Full PDB file with SEQRES, HELIX, SHEET, SSBOND, CRYST1, ORIGX, SCALE, CONECT and MASTER records, all heavy atoms in Angstrom:
SEQRES   1 A   32  GLN GLU ALA PHE TYR GLU GLN SER TYR ILE THR ILE THR          
SEQRES   2 A   32  TYR PHE SER ASP ASP GLU TYR GLN GLN LEU HIS GLY LYS          
SEQRES   3 A   32  ILE LYS ASN CYS ARG LEU                                      
HELIX    1 AA1 GLU A    2  GLU A    6  1                                   5    
SHEET    1 AA1 2 ILE A  10  SER A  16  0                                        
SHEET    2 AA1 2 GLU A  19  GLY A  25 -1                                        
CRYST1    1.000    1.000    1.000  90.00  90.00  90.00 P 1           1          
ORIGX1      1.000000  0.000000  0.000000        0.00000                         
ORIGX2      0.000000  1.000000  0.000000        0.00000                         
ORIGX3      0.000000  0.000000  1.000000        0.00000                         
SCALE1      1.000000  0.000000  0.000000        0.00000                         
SCALE2      0.000000  1.000000  0.000000        0.00000                         
SCALE3      0.000000  0.000000  1.000000        0.00000                         
ATOM      1  N   GLN A   1      -7.378 -44.835 -29.487  1.00  0.00           N  
ATOM      2  CA  GLN A   1      -7.548 -44.440 -30.884  1.00  0.00           C  
ATOM      3  C   GLN A   1      -8.516 -45.382 -31.598  1.00  0.00           C  
ATOM      4  O   GLN A   1      -9.419 -44.937 -32.325  1.00  0.00           O  
ATOM      5  CB  GLN A   1      -6.192 -44.443 -31.586  1.00  0.00           C  
ATOM      6  CG  GLN A   1      -6.228 -43.999 -33.014  1.00  0.00           C  
ATOM      7  CD  GLN A   1      -4.840 -44.047 -33.652  1.00  0.00           C  
ATOM      8  OE1 GLN A   1      -3.927 -44.663 -33.128  1.00  0.00           O  
ATOM      9  NE2 GLN A   1      -4.701 -43.406 -34.779  1.00  0.00           N  
ATOM     10  N   GLU A   2      -8.354 -46.676 -31.389  1.00  0.00           N  
ATOM     11  CA  GLU A   2      -9.219 -47.664 -32.026  1.00  0.00           C  
ATOM     12  C   GLU A   2     -10.671 -47.506 -31.571  1.00  0.00           C  
ATOM     13  O   GLU A   2     -11.592 -47.503 -32.394  1.00  0.00           O  
ATOM     14  CB  GLU A   2      -8.703 -49.066 -31.676  1.00  0.00           C  
ATOM     15  CG  GLU A   2      -9.449 -50.185 -32.342  1.00  0.00           C  
ATOM     16  CD  GLU A   2      -8.868 -51.528 -31.984  1.00  0.00           C  
ATOM     17  OE1 GLU A   2      -8.528 -51.747 -30.794  1.00  0.00           O  
ATOM     18  OE2 GLU A   2      -8.754 -52.368 -32.884  1.00  0.00           O  
ATOM     19  N   ALA A   3     -10.898 -47.332 -30.271  1.00  0.00           N  
ATOM     20  CA  ALA A   3     -12.261 -47.176 -29.746  1.00  0.00           C  
ATOM     21  C   ALA A   3     -12.891 -45.873 -30.240  1.00  0.00           C  
ATOM     22  O   ALA A   3     -14.093 -45.825 -30.505  1.00  0.00           O  
ATOM     23  CB  ALA A   3     -12.236 -47.212 -28.226  1.00  0.00           C  
ATOM     24  N   PHE A   4     -12.092 -44.825 -30.393  1.00  0.00           N  
ATOM     25  CA  PHE A   4     -12.603 -43.538 -30.864  1.00  0.00           C  
ATOM     26  C   PHE A   4     -13.060 -43.630 -32.311  1.00  0.00           C  
ATOM     27  O   PHE A   4     -14.166 -43.189 -32.660  1.00  0.00           O  
ATOM     28  CB  PHE A   4     -11.532 -42.465 -30.696  1.00  0.00           C  
ATOM     29  CG  PHE A   4     -11.946 -41.111 -31.202  1.00  0.00           C  
ATOM     30  CD1 PHE A   4     -12.972 -40.410 -30.588  1.00  0.00           C  
ATOM     31  CD2 PHE A   4     -11.316 -40.533 -32.287  1.00  0.00           C  
ATOM     32  CE1 PHE A   4     -13.357 -39.154 -31.040  1.00  0.00           C  
ATOM     33  CE2 PHE A   4     -11.682 -39.280 -32.744  1.00  0.00           C  
ATOM     34  CZ  PHE A   4     -12.704 -38.594 -32.123  1.00  0.00           C  
ATOM     35  N   TYR A   5     -12.251 -44.225 -33.168  1.00  0.00           N  
ATOM     36  CA  TYR A   5     -12.606 -44.299 -34.582  1.00  0.00           C  
ATOM     37  C   TYR A   5     -13.725 -45.286 -34.859  1.00  0.00           C  
ATOM     38  O   TYR A   5     -14.540 -45.070 -35.744  1.00  0.00           O  
ATOM     39  CB  TYR A   5     -11.378 -44.624 -35.430  1.00  0.00           C  
ATOM     40  CG  TYR A   5     -10.450 -43.446 -35.541  1.00  0.00           C  
ATOM     41  CD1 TYR A   5      -9.154 -43.511 -35.041  1.00  0.00           C  
ATOM     42  CD2 TYR A   5     -10.859 -42.251 -36.125  1.00  0.00           C  
ATOM     43  CE1 TYR A   5      -8.299 -42.413 -35.134  1.00  0.00           C  
ATOM     44  CE2 TYR A   5     -10.031 -41.156 -36.211  1.00  0.00           C  
ATOM     45  CZ  TYR A   5      -8.744 -41.247 -35.720  1.00  0.00           C  
ATOM     46  OH  TYR A   5      -7.912 -40.164 -35.791  1.00  0.00           O  
ATOM     47  N   GLU A   6     -13.790 -46.370 -34.093  1.00  0.00           N  
ATOM     48  CA  GLU A   6     -14.850 -47.359 -34.297  1.00  0.00           C  
ATOM     49  C   GLU A   6     -16.121 -47.025 -33.521  1.00  0.00           C  
ATOM     50  O   GLU A   6     -17.146 -47.666 -33.720  1.00  0.00           O  
ATOM     51  CB  GLU A   6     -14.354 -48.749 -33.886  1.00  0.00           C  
ATOM     52  CG  GLU A   6     -13.264 -49.279 -34.787  1.00  0.00           C  
ATOM     53  CD  GLU A   6     -12.767 -50.648 -34.338  1.00  0.00           C  
ATOM     54  OE1 GLU A   6     -13.314 -51.198 -33.357  1.00  0.00           O  
ATOM     55  OE2 GLU A   6     -11.842 -51.153 -34.975  1.00  0.00           O  
ATOM     56  N   GLN A   7     -16.045 -46.028 -32.617  1.00  0.00           N  
ATOM     57  CA  GLN A   7     -17.163 -45.645 -31.754  1.00  0.00           C  
ATOM     58  C   GLN A   7     -17.746 -46.859 -31.025  1.00  0.00           C  
ATOM     59  O   GLN A   7     -18.953 -47.040 -30.924  1.00  0.00           O  
ATOM     60  CB  GLN A   7     -18.247 -44.927 -32.561  1.00  0.00           C  
ATOM     61  CG  GLN A   7     -17.891 -43.492 -32.899  1.00  0.00           C  
ATOM     62  CD  GLN A   7     -17.728 -42.651 -31.640  1.00  0.00           C  
ATOM     63  OE1 GLN A   7     -18.674 -42.452 -30.905  1.00  0.00           O  
ATOM     64  NE2 GLN A   7     -16.519 -42.173 -31.383  1.00  0.00           N  
ATOM     65  N   SER A   8     -16.840 -47.678 -30.484  1.00  0.00           N  
ATOM     66  CA  SER A   8     -17.263 -48.860 -29.741  1.00  0.00           C  
ATOM     67  C   SER A   8     -17.342 -48.552 -28.253  1.00  0.00           C  
ATOM     68  O   SER A   8     -16.679 -47.650 -27.749  1.00  0.00           O  
ATOM     69  CB  SER A   8     -16.288 -50.014 -29.996  1.00  0.00           C  
ATOM     70  OG  SER A   8     -14.980 -49.627 -29.636  1.00  0.00           O  
ATOM     71  N   TYR A   9     -18.180 -49.317 -27.565  1.00  0.00           N  
ATOM     72  CA  TYR A   9     -18.297 -49.173 -26.110  1.00  0.00           C  
ATOM     73  C   TYR A   9     -17.092 -49.815 -25.445  1.00  0.00           C  
ATOM     74  O   TYR A   9     -16.678 -50.921 -25.817  1.00  0.00           O  
ATOM     75  CB  TYR A   9     -19.586 -49.819 -25.593  1.00  0.00           C  
ATOM     76  CG  TYR A   9     -20.803 -48.984 -25.845  1.00  0.00           C  
ATOM     77  CD1 TYR A   9     -21.599 -49.184 -26.968  1.00  0.00           C  
ATOM     78  CD2 TYR A   9     -21.160 -47.981 -24.948  1.00  0.00           C  
ATOM     79  CE1 TYR A   9     -22.720 -48.407 -27.184  1.00  0.00           C  
ATOM     80  CE2 TYR A   9     -22.273 -47.194 -25.161  1.00  0.00           C  
ATOM     81  CZ  TYR A   9     -23.043 -47.415 -26.275  1.00  0.00           C  
ATOM     82  OH  TYR A   9     -24.148 -46.633 -26.503  1.00  0.00           O  
ATOM     83  N   ILE A  10     -16.551 -49.122 -24.473  1.00  0.00           N  
ATOM     84  CA  ILE A  10     -15.387 -49.615 -23.744  1.00  0.00           C  
ATOM     85  C   ILE A  10     -15.594 -49.379 -22.250  1.00  0.00           C  
ATOM     86  O   ILE A  10     -16.442 -48.594 -21.838  1.00  0.00           O  
ATOM     87  CB  ILE A  10     -14.083 -48.921 -24.191  1.00  0.00           C  
ATOM     88  CG1 ILE A  10     -14.195 -47.402 -24.017  1.00  0.00           C  
ATOM     89  CG2 ILE A  10     -13.721 -49.285 -25.610  1.00  0.00           C  
ATOM     90  CD1 ILE A  10     -12.901 -46.665 -24.245  1.00  0.00           C  
ATOM     91  N   THR A  11     -14.812 -50.092 -21.448  1.00  0.00           N  
ATOM     92  CA  THR A  11     -14.770 -49.876 -20.016  1.00  0.00           C  
ATOM     93  C   THR A  11     -13.385 -49.356 -19.668  1.00  0.00           C  
ATOM     94  O   THR A  11     -12.387 -50.031 -19.934  1.00  0.00           O  
ATOM     95  CB  THR A  11     -15.070 -51.168 -19.239  1.00  0.00           C  
ATOM     96  OG1 THR A  11     -16.368 -51.640 -19.606  1.00  0.00           O  
ATOM     97  CG2 THR A  11     -15.036 -50.933 -17.742  1.00  0.00           C  
ATOM     98  N   ILE A  12     -13.338 -48.161 -19.107  1.00  0.00           N  
ATOM     99  CA  ILE A  12     -12.068 -47.523 -18.777  1.00  0.00           C  
ATOM    100  C   ILE A  12     -11.868 -47.601 -17.270  1.00  0.00           C  
ATOM    101  O   ILE A  12     -12.746 -47.205 -16.494  1.00  0.00           O  
ATOM    102  CB  ILE A  12     -12.059 -46.047 -19.207  1.00  0.00           C  
ATOM    103  CG1 ILE A  12     -12.271 -45.941 -20.706  1.00  0.00           C  
ATOM    104  CG2 ILE A  12     -10.766 -45.370 -18.797  1.00  0.00           C  
ATOM    105  CD1 ILE A  12     -12.470 -44.526 -21.189  1.00  0.00           C  
ATOM    106  N   THR A  13     -10.729 -48.127 -16.861  1.00  0.00           N  
ATOM    107  CA  THR A  13     -10.336 -48.094 -15.456  1.00  0.00           C  
ATOM    108  C   THR A  13      -9.346 -46.952 -15.313  1.00  0.00           C  
ATOM    109  O   THR A  13      -8.347 -46.907 -16.024  1.00  0.00           O  
ATOM    110  CB  THR A  13      -9.679 -49.419 -15.029  1.00  0.00           C  
ATOM    111  OG1 THR A  13     -10.586 -50.491 -15.300  1.00  0.00           O  
ATOM    112  CG2 THR A  13      -9.333 -49.402 -13.552  1.00  0.00           C  
ATOM    113  N   TYR A  14      -9.648 -46.040 -14.411  1.00  0.00           N  
ATOM    114  CA  TYR A  14      -8.778 -44.881 -14.228  1.00  0.00           C  
ATOM    115  C   TYR A  14      -8.588 -44.597 -12.744  1.00  0.00           C  
ATOM    116  O   TYR A  14      -9.317 -45.110 -11.892  1.00  0.00           O  
ATOM    117  CB  TYR A  14      -9.316 -43.655 -14.966  1.00  0.00           C  
ATOM    118  CG  TYR A  14     -10.656 -43.154 -14.497  1.00  0.00           C  
ATOM    119  CD1 TYR A  14     -10.755 -42.062 -13.652  1.00  0.00           C  
ATOM    120  CD2 TYR A  14     -11.839 -43.759 -14.919  1.00  0.00           C  
ATOM    121  CE1 TYR A  14     -11.981 -41.587 -13.227  1.00  0.00           C  
ATOM    122  CE2 TYR A  14     -13.062 -43.301 -14.497  1.00  0.00           C  
ATOM    123  CZ  TYR A  14     -13.122 -42.216 -13.653  1.00  0.00           C  
ATOM    124  OH  TYR A  14     -14.342 -41.760 -13.229  1.00  0.00           O  
ATOM    125  N   PHE A  15      -7.583 -43.789 -12.451  1.00  0.00           N  
ATOM    126  CA  PHE A  15      -7.219 -43.476 -11.069  1.00  0.00           C  
ATOM    127  C   PHE A  15      -7.609 -42.038 -10.777  1.00  0.00           C  
ATOM    128  O   PHE A  15      -7.138 -41.114 -11.424  1.00  0.00           O  
ATOM    129  CB  PHE A  15      -5.716 -43.674 -10.880  1.00  0.00           C  
ATOM    130  CG  PHE A  15      -5.284 -43.701  -9.452  1.00  0.00           C  
ATOM    131  CD1 PHE A  15      -5.434 -44.851  -8.702  1.00  0.00           C  
ATOM    132  CD2 PHE A  15      -4.735 -42.589  -8.859  1.00  0.00           C  
ATOM    133  CE1 PHE A  15      -5.042 -44.892  -7.380  1.00  0.00           C  
ATOM    134  CE2 PHE A  15      -4.330 -42.613  -7.538  1.00  0.00           C  
ATOM    135  CZ  PHE A  15      -4.479 -43.766  -6.798  1.00  0.00           C  
ATOM    136  N   SER A  16      -8.505 -41.856  -9.807  1.00  0.00           N  
ATOM    137  CA  SER A  16      -8.958 -40.518  -9.451  1.00  0.00           C  
ATOM    138  C   SER A  16      -9.309 -40.490  -7.972  1.00  0.00           C  
ATOM    139  O   SER A  16      -9.870 -41.453  -7.439  1.00  0.00           O  
ATOM    140  CB  SER A  16     -10.183 -40.156 -10.283  1.00  0.00           C  
ATOM    141  OG  SER A  16     -10.664 -38.886  -9.937  1.00  0.00           O  
ATOM    142  N   ASP A  17      -8.988 -39.406  -7.314  1.00  0.00           N  
ATOM    143  CA  ASP A  17      -9.285 -39.229  -5.888  1.00  0.00           C  
ATOM    144  C   ASP A  17      -8.721 -40.374  -5.047  1.00  0.00           C  
ATOM    145  O   ASP A  17      -9.388 -40.911  -4.162  1.00  0.00           O  
ATOM    146  CB  ASP A  17     -10.795 -39.104  -5.645  1.00  0.00           C  
ATOM    147  CG  ASP A  17     -11.389 -37.902  -6.338  1.00  0.00           C  
ATOM    148  OD1 ASP A  17     -10.669 -36.879  -6.447  1.00  0.00           O  
ATOM    149  OD2 ASP A  17     -12.549 -37.976  -6.774  1.00  0.00           O  
ATOM    150  N   ASP A  18      -7.499 -40.771  -5.354  1.00  0.00           N  
ATOM    151  CA  ASP A  18      -6.773 -41.807  -4.615  1.00  0.00           C  
ATOM    152  C   ASP A  18      -7.459 -43.167  -4.618  1.00  0.00           C  
ATOM    153  O   ASP A  18      -7.326 -43.945  -3.675  1.00  0.00           O  
ATOM    154  CB  ASP A  18      -6.520 -41.370  -3.169  1.00  0.00           C  
ATOM    155  CG  ASP A  18      -5.608 -40.168  -3.093  1.00  0.00           C  
ATOM    156  OD1 ASP A  18      -4.704 -40.068  -3.939  1.00  0.00           O  
ATOM    157  OD2 ASP A  18      -5.787 -39.331  -2.190  1.00  0.00           O  
ATOM    158  N   GLU A  19      -8.222 -43.466  -5.671  1.00  0.00           N  
ATOM    159  CA  GLU A  19      -8.822 -44.784  -5.791  1.00  0.00           C  
ATOM    160  C   GLU A  19      -9.089 -45.111  -7.261  1.00  0.00           C  
ATOM    161  O   GLU A  19      -9.136 -44.227  -8.109  1.00  0.00           O  
ATOM    162  CB  GLU A  19     -10.108 -44.890  -4.979  1.00  0.00           C  
ATOM    163  CG  GLU A  19     -11.222 -43.979  -5.439  1.00  0.00           C  
ATOM    164  CD  GLU A  19     -12.452 -44.072  -4.559  1.00  0.00           C  
ATOM    165  OE1 GLU A  19     -12.367 -44.640  -3.460  1.00  0.00           O  
ATOM    166  OE2 GLU A  19     -13.492 -43.580  -4.981  1.00  0.00           O  
ATOM    167  N   TYR A  20      -9.265 -46.395  -7.529  1.00  0.00           N  
ATOM    168  CA  TYR A  20      -9.576 -46.845  -8.883  1.00  0.00           C  
ATOM    169  C   TYR A  20     -11.058 -46.645  -9.140  1.00  0.00           C  
ATOM    170  O   TYR A  20     -11.888 -46.902  -8.279  1.00  0.00           O  
ATOM    171  CB  TYR A  20      -9.234 -48.325  -9.059  1.00  0.00           C  
ATOM    172  CG  TYR A  20      -7.767 -48.615  -8.971  1.00  0.00           C  
ATOM    173  CD1 TYR A  20      -7.202 -49.096  -7.804  1.00  0.00           C  
ATOM    174  CD2 TYR A  20      -6.935 -48.409 -10.062  1.00  0.00           C  
ATOM    175  CE1 TYR A  20      -5.850 -49.359  -7.722  1.00  0.00           C  
ATOM    176  CE2 TYR A  20      -5.580 -48.671  -9.997  1.00  0.00           C  
ATOM    177  CZ  TYR A  20      -5.047 -49.150  -8.820  1.00  0.00           C  
ATOM    178  OH  TYR A  20      -3.711 -49.411  -8.741  1.00  0.00           O  
ATOM    179  N   GLN A  21     -11.381 -46.193 -10.352  1.00  0.00           N  
ATOM    180  CA  GLN A  21     -12.769 -46.021 -10.742  1.00  0.00           C  
ATOM    181  C   GLN A  21     -12.943 -46.573 -12.146  1.00  0.00           C  
ATOM    182  O   GLN A  21     -11.987 -46.643 -12.915  1.00  0.00           O  
ATOM    183  CB  GLN A  21     -13.162 -44.547 -10.681  1.00  0.00           C  
ATOM    184  CG  GLN A  21     -13.013 -43.977  -9.297  1.00  0.00           C  
ATOM    185  CD  GLN A  21     -13.559 -42.577  -9.181  1.00  0.00           C  
ATOM    186  OE1 GLN A  21     -14.365 -42.130  -9.985  1.00  0.00           O  
ATOM    187  NE2 GLN A  21     -13.130 -41.879  -8.149  1.00  0.00           N  
ATOM    188  N   GLN A  22     -14.175 -46.957 -12.475  1.00  0.00           N  
ATOM    189  CA  GLN A  22     -14.467 -47.482 -13.810  1.00  0.00           C  
ATOM    190  C   GLN A  22     -15.584 -46.684 -14.445  1.00  0.00           C  
ATOM    191  O   GLN A  22     -16.484 -46.183 -13.762  1.00  0.00           O  
ATOM    192  CB  GLN A  22     -14.861 -48.951 -13.735  1.00  0.00           C  
ATOM    193  CG  GLN A  22     -13.693 -49.867 -13.525  1.00  0.00           C  
ATOM    194  CD  GLN A  22     -14.063 -51.313 -13.783  1.00  0.00           C  
ATOM    195  OE1 GLN A  22     -15.215 -51.704 -13.654  1.00  0.00           O  
ATOM    196  NE2 GLN A  22     -13.073 -52.109 -14.149  1.00  0.00           N  
ATOM    197  N   LEU A  23     -15.505 -46.594 -15.770  1.00  0.00           N  
ATOM    198  CA  LEU A  23     -16.507 -45.877 -16.549  1.00  0.00           C  
ATOM    199  C   LEU A  23     -16.755 -46.659 -17.826  1.00  0.00           C  
ATOM    200  O   LEU A  23     -15.804 -47.062 -18.506  1.00  0.00           O  
ATOM    201  CB  LEU A  23     -15.999 -44.459 -16.857  1.00  0.00           C  
ATOM    202  CG  LEU A  23     -16.938 -43.536 -17.604  1.00  0.00           C  
ATOM    203  CD1 LEU A  23     -18.156 -43.218 -16.733  1.00  0.00           C  
ATOM    204  CD2 LEU A  23     -16.222 -42.254 -17.962  1.00  0.00           C  
ATOM    205  N   HIS A  24     -18.016 -46.885 -18.146  1.00  0.00           N  
ATOM    206  CA  HIS A  24     -18.387 -47.624 -19.355  1.00  0.00           C  
ATOM    207  C   HIS A  24     -19.090 -46.657 -20.294  1.00  0.00           C  
ATOM    208  O   HIS A  24     -20.043 -45.982 -19.910  1.00  0.00           O  
ATOM    209  CB  HIS A  24     -19.308 -48.792 -18.999  1.00  0.00           C  
ATOM    210  CG  HIS A  24     -19.679 -49.632 -20.176  1.00  0.00           C  
ATOM    211  ND1 HIS A  24     -18.791 -50.487 -20.776  1.00  0.00           N  
ATOM    212  CD2 HIS A  24     -20.823 -49.712 -20.878  1.00  0.00           C  
ATOM    213  CE1 HIS A  24     -19.400 -51.076 -21.788  1.00  0.00           C  
ATOM    214  NE2 HIS A  24     -20.626 -50.624 -21.874  1.00  0.00           N  
ATOM    215  N   GLY A  25     -18.593 -46.572 -21.517  1.00  0.00           N  
ATOM    216  CA  GLY A  25     -19.216 -45.681 -22.486  1.00  0.00           C  
ATOM    217  C   GLY A  25     -18.430 -45.598 -23.776  1.00  0.00           C  
ATOM    218  O   GLY A  25     -17.585 -46.445 -24.067  1.00  0.00           O  
ATOM    219  N   LYS A  26     -18.715 -44.553 -24.565  1.00  0.00           N  
ATOM    220  CA  LYS A  26     -18.051 -44.311 -25.847  1.00  0.00           C  
ATOM    221  C   LYS A  26     -17.182 -43.063 -25.741  1.00  0.00           C  
ATOM    222  O   LYS A  26     -17.568 -42.090 -25.095  1.00  0.00           O  
ATOM    223  CB  LYS A  26     -19.073 -44.069 -26.963  1.00  0.00           C  
ATOM    224  CG  LYS A  26     -19.805 -45.272 -27.429  1.00  0.00           C  
ATOM    225  CD  LYS A  26     -20.704 -44.869 -28.596  1.00  0.00           C  
ATOM    226  CE  LYS A  26     -21.482 -46.052 -29.100  1.00  0.00           C  
ATOM    227  NZ  LYS A  26     -22.315 -45.684 -30.249  1.00  0.00           N  
ATOM    228  N   ILE A  27     -16.049 -43.086 -26.422  1.00  0.00           N  
ATOM    229  CA  ILE A  27     -15.194 -41.908 -26.475  1.00  0.00           C  
ATOM    230  C   ILE A  27     -15.780 -40.961 -27.519  1.00  0.00           C  
ATOM    231  O   ILE A  27     -15.891 -41.300 -28.690  1.00  0.00           O  
ATOM    232  CB  ILE A  27     -13.742 -42.285 -26.833  1.00  0.00           C  
ATOM    233  CG1 ILE A  27     -13.169 -43.191 -25.759  1.00  0.00           C  
ATOM    234  CG2 ILE A  27     -12.890 -41.030 -26.995  1.00  0.00           C  
ATOM    235  CD1 ILE A  27     -11.768 -43.704 -26.064  1.00  0.00           C  
ATOM    236  N   LYS A  28     -16.179 -39.780 -27.075  1.00  0.00           N  
ATOM    237  CA  LYS A  28     -16.785 -38.800 -27.971  1.00  0.00           C  
ATOM    238  C   LYS A  28     -15.778 -37.812 -28.530  1.00  0.00           C  
ATOM    239  O   LYS A  28     -15.965 -37.286 -29.611  1.00  0.00           O  
ATOM    240  CB  LYS A  28     -17.899 -38.029 -27.241  1.00  0.00           C  
ATOM    241  CG  LYS A  28     -19.099 -38.876 -26.951  1.00  0.00           C  
ATOM    242  CD  LYS A  28     -19.727 -39.337 -28.239  1.00  0.00           C  
ATOM    243  CE  LYS A  28     -20.929 -40.204 -27.975  1.00  0.00           C  
ATOM    244  NZ  LYS A  28     -21.436 -40.824 -29.182  1.00  0.00           N  
ATOM    245  N   ASN A  29     -14.719 -37.527 -27.779  1.00  0.00           N  
ATOM    246  CA  ASN A  29     -13.738 -36.558 -28.230  1.00  0.00           C  
ATOM    247  C   ASN A  29     -12.390 -36.898 -27.622  1.00  0.00           C  
ATOM    248  O   ASN A  29     -12.311 -37.359 -26.490  1.00  0.00           O  
ATOM    249  CB  ASN A  29     -14.161 -35.145 -27.838  1.00  0.00           C  
ATOM    250  CG  ASN A  29     -13.398 -34.086 -28.583  1.00  0.00           C  
ATOM    251  OD1 ASN A  29     -12.575 -34.377 -29.439  1.00  0.00           O  
ATOM    252  ND2 ASN A  29     -13.671 -32.831 -28.262  1.00  0.00           N  
ATOM    253  N   CYS A  30     -11.360 -36.647 -28.391  1.00  0.00           N  
ATOM    254  CA  CYS A  30     -10.000 -36.865 -27.924  1.00  0.00           C  
ATOM    255  C   CYS A  30      -9.284 -35.521 -27.966  1.00  0.00           C  
ATOM    256  O   CYS A  30      -9.038 -34.987 -29.040  1.00  0.00           O  
ATOM    257  CB  CYS A  30      -9.319 -37.895 -28.818  1.00  0.00           C  
ATOM    258  SG  CYS A  30      -7.823 -38.564 -28.150  1.00  0.00           S  
ATOM    259  N   ARG A  31      -8.988 -34.938 -26.813  1.00  0.00           N  
ATOM    260  CA  ARG A  31      -8.393 -33.605 -26.719  1.00  0.00           C  
ATOM    261  C   ARG A  31      -6.886 -33.734 -26.516  1.00  0.00           C  
ATOM    262  O   ARG A  31      -6.423 -33.948 -25.398  1.00  0.00           O  
ATOM    263  CB  ARG A  31      -9.000 -32.829 -25.548  1.00  0.00           C  
ATOM    264  CG  ARG A  31     -10.498 -32.657 -25.561  1.00  0.00           C  
ATOM    265  CD  ARG A  31     -10.962 -31.435 -26.300  1.00  0.00           C  
ATOM    266  NE  ARG A  31     -10.170 -30.253 -26.045  1.00  0.00           N  
ATOM    267  CZ  ARG A  31     -10.490 -29.311 -25.184  1.00  0.00           C  
ATOM    268  NH1 ARG A  31     -11.579 -29.414 -24.446  1.00  0.00           N  
ATOM    269  NH2 ARG A  31      -9.714 -28.247 -25.042  1.00  0.00           N  
ATOM    270  N   LEU A  32      -6.142 -33.619 -27.598  1.00  0.00           N  
ATOM    271  CA  LEU A  32      -4.693 -33.743 -27.517  1.00  0.00           C  
ATOM    272  C   LEU A  32      -4.042 -32.537 -26.863  1.00  0.00           C  
ATOM    273  O   LEU A  32      -2.975 -32.663 -26.268  1.00  0.00           O  
ATOM    274  CB  LEU A  32      -4.106 -33.976 -28.908  1.00  0.00           C  
ATOM    275  CG  LEU A  32      -4.546 -35.264 -29.604  1.00  0.00           C  
ATOM    276  CD1 LEU A  32      -3.954 -35.335 -31.002  1.00  0.00           C  
ATOM    277  CD2 LEU A  32      -4.155 -36.475 -28.798  1.00  0.00           C  
TER     278      LEU A  32                                                      
MASTER        0    0    0    1    2    0    0    6  277    1    0    3          
END                                                                             
């Protein structure tokens, strides 16, 4: 929520395809 409202760059670590992956960027939309 904080990164979305401030439009700050973040690094997200997420789990996909049975491994950890990272993505660096801005959150453009939050789909509840």
